[in-house]
Amino acid sequence: MKAVFKHMRGKASLMAQLVVIAVIFGVLAAAVISPNGIKNAIASTQNYPPSTPVYAIPINFSGAYTASTSNVAAIKMPYAARLVGVSTIARVYSGTGATQTLDVRAGATCAAATSVLAAPVGLSTTAATEATISTAAIADESMVCMDYALGVSGVSNTDMTLLMTVVR
């Protein structure tokens, strides 16, 4: 620190020293007052402690899908859970220009289920696509149903996978 201030002379030197000291104290005070604020800024994904049960539920859709399908898959949740992640990927896509999505709905029955996503999640063959969750709570014994939507005809997806991550 001395080397920084050694080359400064006069009143500007004193003022610069005071500014640097004030910034250092400000950063230290922020770290002491809110240590979680720094941790949260570093990791935007919630990291649960080892004692928290986190479950990944992979759902594979085998075969080629060439048309929109409601209730393409459904599971009954055996416990109440909080949905913390939904992602999709497809192995093979044939065709061009189609919007393809998967939607996840939850409710007492598939007919009464409502979407838990802000918008249906798009499908890609190059990378997993993350969904935005609008309703995280899934009730005990509720049906979780998936819908596949295809924007145009003449295209298909083969072997799609939906990964739901829940916390009990």
N, C-alpha and C. Protein backbone atom coordinates (compact mmCIF):
# COMPACT_ATOMS: atom_id res chain seq x y z
N MET A 1 0.83 -1.18 0.00
CA MET A 1 0.00 0.00 0.00
C MET A 1 0.88 1.25 0.00
N LYS A 2 2.02 1.17 0.71
CA LYS A 2 2.92 2.33 0.76
C LYS A 2 3.42 2.69 -0.62
N ALA A 3 3.68 1.67 -1.46
CA ALA A 3 4.20 1.94 -2.80
C ALA A 3 3.19 2.73 -3.63
N VAL A 4 1.91 2.51 -3.41
CA VAL A 4 0.89 3.25 -4.15
C VAL A 4 0.92 4.71 -3.77
N PHE A 5 1.03 5.00 -2.48
CA PHE A 5 0.97 6.37 -2.00
C PHE A 5 2.32 7.09 -2.07
N LYS A 6 3.42 6.36 -2.25
CA LYS A 6 4.76 6.94 -2.27
C LYS A 6 4.91 7.94 -3.40
N HIS A 7 4.31 7.65 -4.55
CA HIS A 7 4.47 8.50 -5.71
C HIS A 7 3.51 9.69 -5.72
N MET A 8 2.58 9.74 -4.80
CA MET A 8 1.65 10.87 -4.73
C MET A 8 2.22 11.93 -3.80
N ARG A 9 1.98 13.21 -4.14
CA ARG A 9 2.50 14.29 -3.32
C ARG A 9 1.39 15.31 -3.07
N GLY A 10 1.44 15.98 -1.97
CA GLY A 10 0.55 17.08 -1.69
C GLY A 10 -0.84 16.66 -1.26
N LYS A 11 -1.79 17.62 -1.42
CA LYS A 11 -3.16 17.41 -0.97
C LYS A 11 -3.87 16.32 -1.78
N ALA A 12 -3.54 16.19 -3.06
CA ALA A 12 -4.16 15.15 -3.87
C ALA A 12 -3.80 13.78 -3.32
N SER A 13 -2.57 13.66 -2.81
CA SER A 13 -2.13 12.41 -2.22
C SER A 13 -2.97 12.06 -0.99
N LEU A 14 -3.22 13.02 -0.13
CA LEU A 14 -4.01 12.79 1.08
C LEU A 14 -5.45 12.43 0.71
N MET A 15 -6.01 13.14 -0.25
CA MET A 15 -7.38 12.88 -0.67
C MET A 15 -7.50 11.49 -1.28
N ALA A 16 -6.55 11.09 -2.11
CA ALA A 16 -6.58 9.76 -2.73
C ALA A 16 -6.46 8.67 -1.68
N GLN A 17 -5.61 8.91 -0.67
CA GLN A 17 -5.46 7.94 0.40
C GLN A 17 -6.77 7.76 1.16
N LEU A 18 -7.45 8.86 1.45
CA LEU A 18 -8.72 8.79 2.17
C LEU A 18 -9.79 8.06 1.36
N VAL A 19 -9.82 8.29 0.05
CA VAL A 19 -10.80 7.61 -0.81
C VAL A 19 -10.54 6.10 -0.83
N VAL A 20 -9.28 5.71 -0.99
CA VAL A 20 -8.93 4.28 -1.02
C VAL A 20 -9.28 3.62 0.31
N ILE A 21 -8.97 4.29 1.41
CA ILE A 21 -9.29 3.75 2.74
C ILE A 21 -10.79 3.63 2.92
N ALA A 22 -11.56 4.62 2.47
CA ALA A 22 -13.01 4.57 2.60
C ALA A 22 -13.60 3.41 1.79
N VAL A 23 -13.07 3.17 0.60
CA VAL A 23 -13.56 2.06 -0.23
C VAL A 23 -13.26 0.73 0.45
N ILE A 24 -12.07 0.58 0.98
CA ILE A 24 -11.69 -0.66 1.66
C ILE A 24 -12.60 -0.90 2.86
N PHE A 25 -12.84 0.13 3.68
CA PHE A 25 -13.72 -0.03 4.83
C PHE A 25 -15.15 -0.34 4.39
N GLY A 26 -15.59 0.25 3.31
CA GLY A 26 -16.94 -0.02 2.80
C GLY A 26 -17.12 -1.47 2.40
N VAL A 27 -16.14 -2.02 1.69
CA VAL A 27 -16.21 -3.42 1.26
C VAL A 27 -16.16 -4.35 2.47
N LEU A 28 -15.28 -4.06 3.42
CA LEU A 28 -15.20 -4.88 4.63
C LEU A 28 -16.49 -4.82 5.44
N ALA A 29 -17.07 -3.64 5.56
CA ALA A 29 -18.33 -3.49 6.30
C ALA A 29 -19.45 -4.28 5.62
N ALA A 30 -19.51 -4.24 4.30
CA ALA A 30 -20.54 -4.99 3.58
C ALA A 30 -20.36 -6.49 3.79
N ALA A 31 -19.10 -6.95 3.81
CA ALA A 31 -18.84 -8.37 4.01
C ALA A 31 -19.21 -8.82 5.42
N VAL A 32 -18.98 -7.96 6.41
CA VAL A 32 -19.29 -8.30 7.80
C VAL A 32 -20.79 -8.24 8.04
N ILE A 33 -21.45 -7.22 7.52
CA ILE A 33 -22.88 -7.05 7.76
C ILE A 33 -23.69 -8.10 7.02
N SER A 34 -23.34 -8.40 5.79
CA SER A 34 -24.12 -9.33 4.97
C SER A 34 -23.22 -10.34 4.27
N PRO A 35 -22.68 -11.33 5.01
CA PRO A 35 -21.83 -12.32 4.36
C PRO A 35 -22.58 -13.18 3.35
N ASN A 36 -23.90 -13.38 3.56
CA ASN A 36 -24.68 -14.16 2.60
C ASN A 36 -24.89 -13.40 1.30
N GLY A 37 -24.86 -12.08 1.35
CA GLY A 37 -25.02 -11.29 0.13
C GLY A 37 -23.90 -11.58 -0.85
N ILE A 38 -22.69 -11.72 -0.36
CA ILE A 38 -21.56 -12.04 -1.23
C ILE A 38 -21.69 -13.46 -1.76
N LYS A 39 -22.08 -14.40 -0.88
CA LYS A 39 -22.25 -15.79 -1.31
C LYS A 39 -23.34 -15.90 -2.36
N ASN A 40 -24.45 -15.19 -2.17
CA ASN A 40 -25.55 -15.25 -3.13
C ASN A 40 -25.17 -14.62 -4.46
N ALA A 41 -24.33 -13.63 -4.43
CA ALA A 41 -23.89 -13.00 -5.68
C ALA A 41 -23.00 -13.95 -6.47
N ILE A 42 -22.26 -14.80 -5.78
CA ILE A 42 -21.35 -15.73 -6.45
C ILE A 42 -22.13 -16.88 -7.10
N ALA A 43 -23.10 -17.43 -6.39
CA ALA A 43 -23.84 -18.59 -6.91
C ALA A 43 -25.32 -18.26 -7.03
N SER A 44 -25.82 -18.22 -8.25
CA SER A 44 -27.24 -17.93 -8.45
C SER A 44 -28.08 -19.18 -8.27
N THR A 45 -27.47 -20.36 -8.30
CA THR A 45 -28.19 -21.61 -8.10
C THR A 45 -28.16 -21.96 -6.62
N GLN A 46 -29.33 -22.31 -6.09
CA GLN A 46 -29.43 -22.70 -4.69
C GLN A 46 -28.65 -23.99 -4.47
N ASN A 47 -27.73 -23.97 -3.53
CA ASN A 47 -27.00 -25.17 -3.14
C ASN A 47 -27.54 -25.61 -1.79
N TYR A 48 -28.21 -26.77 -1.78
CA TYR A 48 -28.82 -27.27 -0.56
C TYR A 48 -27.79 -28.03 0.25
N PRO A 49 -27.89 -28.00 1.58
CA PRO A 49 -26.95 -28.76 2.41
C PRO A 49 -27.16 -30.26 2.21
N PRO A 50 -26.15 -31.07 2.56
CA PRO A 50 -26.26 -32.52 2.37
C PRO A 50 -27.45 -33.15 3.10
N SER A 51 -27.93 -32.52 4.15
CA SER A 51 -29.06 -33.09 4.90
C SER A 51 -30.40 -32.86 4.22
N THR A 52 -30.46 -32.02 3.17
CA THR A 52 -31.71 -31.73 2.47
C THR A 52 -31.91 -32.74 1.34
N PRO A 53 -33.04 -33.46 1.34
CA PRO A 53 -33.27 -34.43 0.28
C PRO A 53 -33.66 -33.76 -1.04
N VAL A 54 -32.78 -33.85 -2.03
CA VAL A 54 -33.03 -33.31 -3.37
C VAL A 54 -33.11 -34.51 -4.31
N TYR A 55 -34.18 -34.56 -5.11
CA TYR A 55 -34.40 -35.69 -5.99
C TYR A 55 -34.45 -35.24 -7.45
N ALA A 56 -33.76 -35.96 -8.31
CA ALA A 56 -33.83 -35.73 -9.75
C ALA A 56 -34.74 -36.80 -10.34
N ILE A 57 -35.76 -36.36 -11.08
CA ILE A 57 -36.72 -37.29 -11.67
C ILE A 57 -36.61 -37.20 -13.19
N PRO A 58 -35.86 -38.13 -13.81
CA PRO A 58 -35.75 -38.11 -15.27
C PRO A 58 -36.95 -38.82 -15.90
N ILE A 59 -37.51 -38.22 -16.92
CA ILE A 59 -38.64 -38.82 -17.65
C ILE A 59 -38.24 -38.86 -19.12
N ASN A 60 -38.11 -40.08 -19.65
CA ASN A 60 -37.69 -40.25 -21.04
C ASN A 60 -38.90 -40.54 -21.92
N PHE A 61 -38.97 -39.86 -23.05
CA PHE A 61 -40.03 -40.08 -24.04
C PHE A 61 -39.39 -40.81 -25.22
N SER A 62 -39.52 -42.13 -25.26
CA SER A 62 -38.90 -42.93 -26.32
C SER A 62 -39.70 -42.83 -27.61
N GLY A 63 -39.00 -42.95 -28.73
CA GLY A 63 -39.67 -42.95 -30.02
C GLY A 63 -39.72 -41.58 -30.65
N ALA A 64 -40.31 -41.53 -31.84
CA ALA A 64 -40.41 -40.28 -32.59
C ALA A 64 -41.78 -39.65 -32.35
N TYR A 65 -41.80 -38.36 -32.09
CA TYR A 65 -43.04 -37.61 -31.89
C TYR A 65 -43.19 -36.65 -33.05
N THR A 66 -44.27 -36.83 -33.82
CA THR A 66 -44.50 -36.03 -35.02
C THR A 66 -45.73 -35.14 -34.91
N ALA A 67 -46.42 -35.18 -33.78
CA ALA A 67 -47.61 -34.35 -33.59
C ALA A 67 -47.71 -33.94 -32.13
N SER A 68 -48.41 -32.85 -31.87
CA SER A 68 -48.63 -32.41 -30.49
C SER A 68 -49.40 -33.48 -29.74
N THR A 69 -49.00 -33.71 -28.48
CA THR A 69 -49.61 -34.76 -27.68
C THR A 69 -49.84 -34.25 -26.27
N SER A 70 -51.10 -34.27 -25.82
CA SER A 70 -51.41 -33.92 -24.43
C SER A 70 -51.18 -35.15 -23.57
N ASN A 71 -50.76 -34.93 -22.35
CA ASN A 71 -50.52 -36.01 -21.39
C ASN A 71 -49.62 -37.10 -21.97
N VAL A 72 -48.52 -36.67 -22.60
CA VAL A 72 -47.58 -37.61 -23.19
C VAL A 72 -46.95 -38.49 -22.11
N ALA A 73 -46.91 -37.98 -20.89
CA ALA A 73 -46.44 -38.75 -19.74
C ALA A 73 -47.07 -38.17 -18.49
N ALA A 74 -47.23 -39.01 -17.48
CA ALA A 74 -47.78 -38.55 -16.21
C ALA A 74 -47.21 -39.39 -15.08
N ILE A 75 -46.95 -38.76 -13.96
CA ILE A 75 -46.51 -39.47 -12.76
C ILE A 75 -47.33 -38.95 -11.59
N LYS A 76 -47.47 -39.77 -10.57
CA LYS A 76 -48.16 -39.35 -9.35
C LYS A 76 -47.09 -39.12 -8.29
N MET A 77 -47.02 -37.89 -7.78
CA MET A 77 -46.00 -37.57 -6.78
C MET A 77 -46.36 -38.26 -5.46
N PRO A 78 -45.47 -39.08 -4.92
CA PRO A 78 -45.78 -39.80 -3.68
C PRO A 78 -45.61 -38.95 -2.41
N TYR A 79 -45.18 -37.71 -2.58
CA TYR A 79 -44.96 -36.82 -1.44
C TYR A 79 -45.09 -35.38 -1.92
N ALA A 80 -45.32 -34.48 -0.98
CA ALA A 80 -45.33 -33.05 -1.31
C ALA A 80 -43.89 -32.63 -1.62
N ALA A 81 -43.72 -31.78 -2.60
CA ALA A 81 -42.38 -31.37 -3.00
C ALA A 81 -42.39 -29.95 -3.52
N ARG A 82 -41.19 -29.38 -3.55
CA ARG A 82 -41.00 -28.06 -4.16
C ARG A 82 -40.16 -28.26 -5.41
N LEU A 83 -40.69 -27.82 -6.53
CA LEU A 83 -40.01 -27.94 -7.81
C LEU A 83 -38.91 -26.87 -7.88
N VAL A 84 -37.66 -27.30 -8.08
CA VAL A 84 -36.55 -26.35 -8.12
C VAL A 84 -35.86 -26.31 -9.49
N GLY A 85 -36.20 -27.25 -10.37
CA GLY A 85 -35.59 -27.22 -11.70
C GLY A 85 -36.34 -28.10 -12.68
N VAL A 86 -36.41 -27.63 -13.92
CA VAL A 86 -36.99 -28.40 -15.02
C VAL A 86 -36.12 -28.13 -16.24
N SER A 87 -35.61 -29.19 -16.87
CA SER A 87 -34.82 -29.02 -18.09
C SER A 87 -35.20 -30.10 -19.09
N THR A 88 -34.97 -29.81 -20.37
CA THR A 88 -35.31 -30.75 -21.44
C THR A 88 -34.17 -30.84 -22.44
N ILE A 89 -34.15 -31.96 -23.15
CA ILE A 89 -33.23 -32.14 -24.27
C ILE A 89 -33.81 -33.23 -25.18
N ALA A 90 -33.53 -33.17 -26.45
CA ALA A 90 -33.96 -34.19 -27.41
C ALA A 90 -32.72 -34.77 -28.08
N ARG A 91 -32.76 -36.07 -28.38
CA ARG A 91 -31.60 -36.71 -29.00
C ARG A 91 -31.52 -36.40 -30.49
N VAL A 92 -32.62 -36.50 -31.22
CA VAL A 92 -32.62 -36.27 -32.66
C VAL A 92 -33.79 -35.36 -33.01
N TYR A 93 -33.52 -34.39 -33.88
CA TYR A 93 -34.56 -33.50 -34.38
C TYR A 93 -34.50 -33.52 -35.89
N SER A 94 -35.63 -33.76 -36.53
CA SER A 94 -35.65 -33.73 -37.99
C SER A 94 -36.64 -32.67 -38.46
N GLY A 95 -36.22 -31.88 -39.42
CA GLY A 95 -37.06 -30.81 -39.93
C GLY A 95 -36.48 -29.45 -39.56
N THR A 96 -37.13 -28.40 -40.04
CA THR A 96 -36.67 -27.05 -39.75
C THR A 96 -37.85 -26.14 -39.44
N GLY A 97 -37.57 -25.10 -38.69
CA GLY A 97 -38.53 -24.03 -38.46
C GLY A 97 -39.65 -24.32 -37.49
N ALA A 98 -39.59 -25.40 -36.77
CA ALA A 98 -40.69 -25.72 -35.85
C ALA A 98 -40.36 -25.29 -34.43
N THR A 99 -41.35 -24.79 -33.75
CA THR A 99 -41.23 -24.51 -32.33
C THR A 99 -41.74 -25.74 -31.60
N GLN A 100 -40.88 -26.36 -30.79
CA GLN A 100 -41.26 -27.56 -30.06
C GLN A 100 -41.09 -27.30 -28.58
N THR A 101 -42.09 -27.64 -27.80
CA THR A 101 -42.04 -27.35 -26.37
C THR A 101 -42.60 -28.51 -25.56
N LEU A 102 -42.19 -28.56 -24.31
CA LEU A 102 -42.78 -29.46 -23.32
C LEU A 102 -43.31 -28.59 -22.19
N ASP A 103 -44.49 -28.93 -21.70
CA ASP A 103 -45.08 -28.21 -20.57
C ASP A 103 -45.29 -29.20 -19.44
N VAL A 104 -45.12 -28.75 -18.22
CA VAL A 104 -45.32 -29.57 -17.03
C VAL A 104 -46.50 -28.99 -16.27
N ARG A 105 -47.49 -29.84 -15.98
CA ARG A 105 -48.68 -29.41 -15.26
C ARG A 105 -48.86 -30.27 -14.02
N ALA A 106 -49.46 -29.71 -12.97
CA ALA A 106 -49.72 -30.46 -11.74
C ALA A 106 -51.13 -30.18 -11.27
N GLY A 107 -51.77 -31.22 -10.71
CA GLY A 107 -53.12 -31.07 -10.19
C GLY A 107 -53.64 -32.40 -9.68
N ALA A 108 -54.89 -32.41 -9.23
CA ALA A 108 -55.51 -33.63 -8.71
C ALA A 108 -55.63 -34.70 -9.79
N THR A 109 -55.93 -34.27 -11.02
CA THR A 109 -55.98 -35.16 -12.18
C THR A 109 -55.30 -34.44 -13.34
N CYS A 110 -54.97 -35.18 -14.40
CA CYS A 110 -54.36 -34.52 -15.56
C CYS A 110 -55.33 -33.55 -16.21
N ALA A 111 -56.62 -33.87 -16.18
CA ALA A 111 -57.62 -32.98 -16.77
C ALA A 111 -57.72 -31.66 -16.00
N ALA A 112 -57.49 -31.70 -14.69
CA ALA A 112 -57.60 -30.50 -13.86
C ALA A 112 -56.25 -29.83 -13.60
N ALA A 113 -55.18 -30.40 -14.14
CA ALA A 113 -53.83 -29.89 -13.86
C ALA A 113 -53.59 -28.55 -14.55
N THR A 114 -52.81 -27.69 -13.88
CA THR A 114 -52.41 -26.41 -14.45
C THR A 114 -50.89 -26.35 -14.54
N SER A 115 -50.40 -25.55 -15.45
CA SER A 115 -48.96 -25.47 -15.70
C SER A 115 -48.22 -24.93 -14.48
N VAL A 116 -47.06 -25.51 -14.21
CA VAL A 116 -46.20 -25.02 -13.13
C VAL A 116 -45.06 -24.18 -13.70
N LEU A 117 -45.02 -24.04 -15.02
CA LEU A 117 -43.97 -23.27 -15.68
C LEU A 117 -44.51 -21.92 -16.14
N ALA A 118 -43.63 -20.92 -16.19
CA ALA A 118 -44.03 -19.60 -16.68
C ALA A 118 -44.40 -19.69 -18.16
N ALA A 119 -43.72 -20.53 -18.89
CA ALA A 119 -44.01 -20.80 -20.31
C ALA A 119 -43.48 -22.19 -20.61
N PRO A 120 -44.07 -22.90 -21.57
CA PRO A 120 -43.52 -24.21 -21.92
C PRO A 120 -42.05 -24.08 -22.31
N VAL A 121 -41.27 -25.10 -21.97
CA VAL A 121 -39.83 -25.05 -22.21
C VAL A 121 -39.53 -25.61 -23.61
N GLY A 122 -38.66 -24.91 -24.33
CA GLY A 122 -38.29 -25.33 -25.68
C GLY A 122 -37.37 -26.53 -25.68
N LEU A 123 -37.35 -27.24 -26.79
CA LEU A 123 -36.49 -28.42 -26.95
C LEU A 123 -35.32 -28.10 -27.86
N SER A 124 -34.16 -28.70 -27.55
CA SER A 124 -32.96 -28.52 -28.36
C SER A 124 -32.22 -29.85 -28.39
N THR A 125 -31.47 -30.09 -29.45
CA THR A 125 -30.63 -31.29 -29.51
C THR A 125 -29.19 -31.00 -29.14
N THR A 126 -28.85 -29.73 -28.96
CA THR A 126 -27.45 -29.37 -28.71
C THR A 126 -27.16 -29.11 -27.24
N ALA A 127 -28.16 -28.70 -26.46
CA ALA A 127 -27.93 -28.39 -25.05
C ALA A 127 -29.23 -28.52 -24.29
N ALA A 128 -29.12 -28.80 -23.01
CA ALA A 128 -30.31 -28.85 -22.16
C ALA A 128 -30.87 -27.45 -22.02
N THR A 129 -32.19 -27.34 -22.04
CA THR A 129 -32.88 -26.06 -21.93
C THR A 129 -33.57 -25.99 -20.58
N GLU A 130 -33.29 -24.95 -19.81
CA GLU A 130 -33.90 -24.77 -18.48
C GLU A 130 -35.21 -24.02 -18.58
N ALA A 131 -36.18 -24.42 -17.79
CA ALA A 131 -37.49 -23.76 -17.75
C ALA A 131 -37.53 -22.76 -16.61
N THR A 132 -38.45 -21.81 -16.71
CA THR A 132 -38.71 -20.87 -15.63
C THR A 132 -39.93 -21.37 -14.88
N ILE A 133 -39.77 -21.59 -13.59
CA ILE A 133 -40.85 -22.16 -12.76
C ILE A 133 -41.71 -21.03 -12.22
N SER A 134 -43.02 -21.16 -12.39
CA SER A 134 -43.94 -20.14 -11.85
C SER A 134 -44.63 -20.63 -10.58
N THR A 135 -44.89 -21.92 -10.46
CA THR A 135 -45.51 -22.49 -9.27
C THR A 135 -44.63 -23.63 -8.80
N ALA A 136 -43.93 -23.43 -7.70
CA ALA A 136 -42.96 -24.43 -7.24
C ALA A 136 -43.59 -25.54 -6.40
N ALA A 137 -44.69 -25.27 -5.73
CA ALA A 137 -45.28 -26.25 -4.82
C ALA A 137 -46.04 -27.32 -5.59
N ILE A 138 -45.71 -28.58 -5.30
CA ILE A 138 -46.44 -29.72 -5.84
C ILE A 138 -47.01 -30.48 -4.65
N ALA A 139 -48.32 -30.62 -4.61
CA ALA A 139 -49.00 -31.23 -3.46
C ALA A 139 -48.77 -32.75 -3.43
N ASP A 140 -48.88 -33.31 -2.24
CA ASP A 140 -48.79 -34.74 -2.04
C ASP A 140 -49.89 -35.44 -2.85
N GLU A 141 -49.55 -36.53 -3.52
CA GLU A 141 -50.48 -37.33 -4.32
C GLU A 141 -51.04 -36.62 -5.54
N SER A 142 -50.43 -35.51 -5.96
CA SER A 142 -50.93 -34.83 -7.16
C SER A 142 -50.34 -35.48 -8.41
N MET A 143 -51.06 -35.34 -9.50
CA MET A 143 -50.61 -35.84 -10.79
C MET A 143 -49.73 -34.78 -11.45
N VAL A 144 -48.58 -35.19 -11.95
CA VAL A 144 -47.71 -34.30 -12.71
C VAL A 144 -47.75 -34.82 -14.15
N CYS A 145 -48.26 -33.99 -15.04
CA CYS A 145 -48.52 -34.39 -16.43
C CYS A 145 -47.68 -33.55 -17.38
N MET A 146 -47.23 -34.16 -18.47
CA MET A 146 -46.42 -33.46 -19.46
C MET A 146 -47.14 -33.41 -20.80
N ASP A 147 -47.05 -32.26 -21.46
CA ASP A 147 -47.63 -32.06 -22.79
C ASP A 147 -46.51 -31.71 -23.76
N TYR A 148 -46.57 -32.31 -24.96
CA TYR A 148 -45.62 -32.01 -26.03
C TYR A 148 -46.35 -31.21 -27.09
N ALA A 149 -45.79 -30.08 -27.49
CA ALA A 149 -46.42 -29.25 -28.53
C ALA A 149 -45.44 -29.05 -29.67
N LEU A 150 -45.94 -29.25 -30.88
CA LEU A 150 -45.15 -29.10 -32.10
C LEU A 150 -45.78 -27.99 -32.93
N GLY A 151 -44.97 -26.99 -33.29
CA GLY A 151 -45.50 -25.81 -33.98
C GLY A 151 -45.97 -26.04 -35.40
N VAL A 152 -45.33 -26.93 -36.15
CA VAL A 152 -45.72 -27.20 -37.55
C VAL A 152 -45.68 -28.71 -37.79
N SER A 153 -46.28 -29.15 -38.87
CA SER A 153 -46.25 -30.58 -39.20
C SER A 153 -45.04 -30.88 -40.08
N GLY A 154 -44.71 -32.15 -40.18
CA GLY A 154 -43.60 -32.57 -41.03
C GLY A 154 -42.26 -32.61 -40.33
N VAL A 155 -42.22 -32.38 -39.04
CA VAL A 155 -40.97 -32.47 -38.28
C VAL A 155 -41.19 -33.45 -37.13
N SER A 156 -40.10 -33.89 -36.53
CA SER A 156 -40.24 -34.80 -35.40
C SER A 156 -39.06 -34.68 -34.45
N ASN A 157 -39.30 -35.11 -33.23
CA ASN A 157 -38.28 -35.23 -32.20
C ASN A 157 -38.21 -36.69 -31.80
N THR A 158 -37.01 -37.17 -31.55
CA THR A 158 -36.83 -38.55 -31.14
C THR A 158 -36.12 -38.58 -29.80
N ASP A 159 -36.63 -39.40 -28.90
CA ASP A 159 -36.02 -39.64 -27.60
C ASP A 159 -35.79 -38.34 -26.82
N MET A 160 -36.86 -37.75 -26.37
CA MET A 160 -36.79 -36.54 -25.55
C MET A 160 -36.64 -36.93 -24.08
N THR A 161 -35.99 -36.08 -23.31
CA THR A 161 -35.85 -36.31 -21.88
C THR A 161 -36.21 -35.03 -21.14
N LEU A 162 -37.03 -35.19 -20.11
CA LEU A 162 -37.39 -34.10 -19.22
C LEU A 162 -36.82 -34.44 -17.85
N LEU A 163 -36.10 -33.52 -17.23
CA LEU A 163 -35.53 -33.75 -15.91
C LEU A 163 -36.15 -32.76 -14.93
N MET A 164 -36.89 -33.31 -13.97
CA MET A 164 -37.47 -32.48 -12.90
C MET A 164 -36.61 -32.67 -11.65
N THR A 165 -36.28 -31.57 -11.00
CA THR A 165 -35.54 -31.62 -9.75
C THR A 165 -36.45 -31.07 -8.66
N VAL A 166 -36.64 -31.86 -7.61
CA VAL A 166 -37.54 -31.46 -6.53
C VAL A 166 -36.83 -31.57 -5.18
N VAL A 167 -37.30 -30.77 -4.24
CA VAL A 167 -36.83 -30.83 -2.86
C VAL A 167 -38.01 -31.26 -2.01
N ARG A 168 -37.79 -32.19 -1.16
CA ARG A 168 -38.86 -32.70 -0.31
C ARG A 168 -39.06 -31.84 0.89
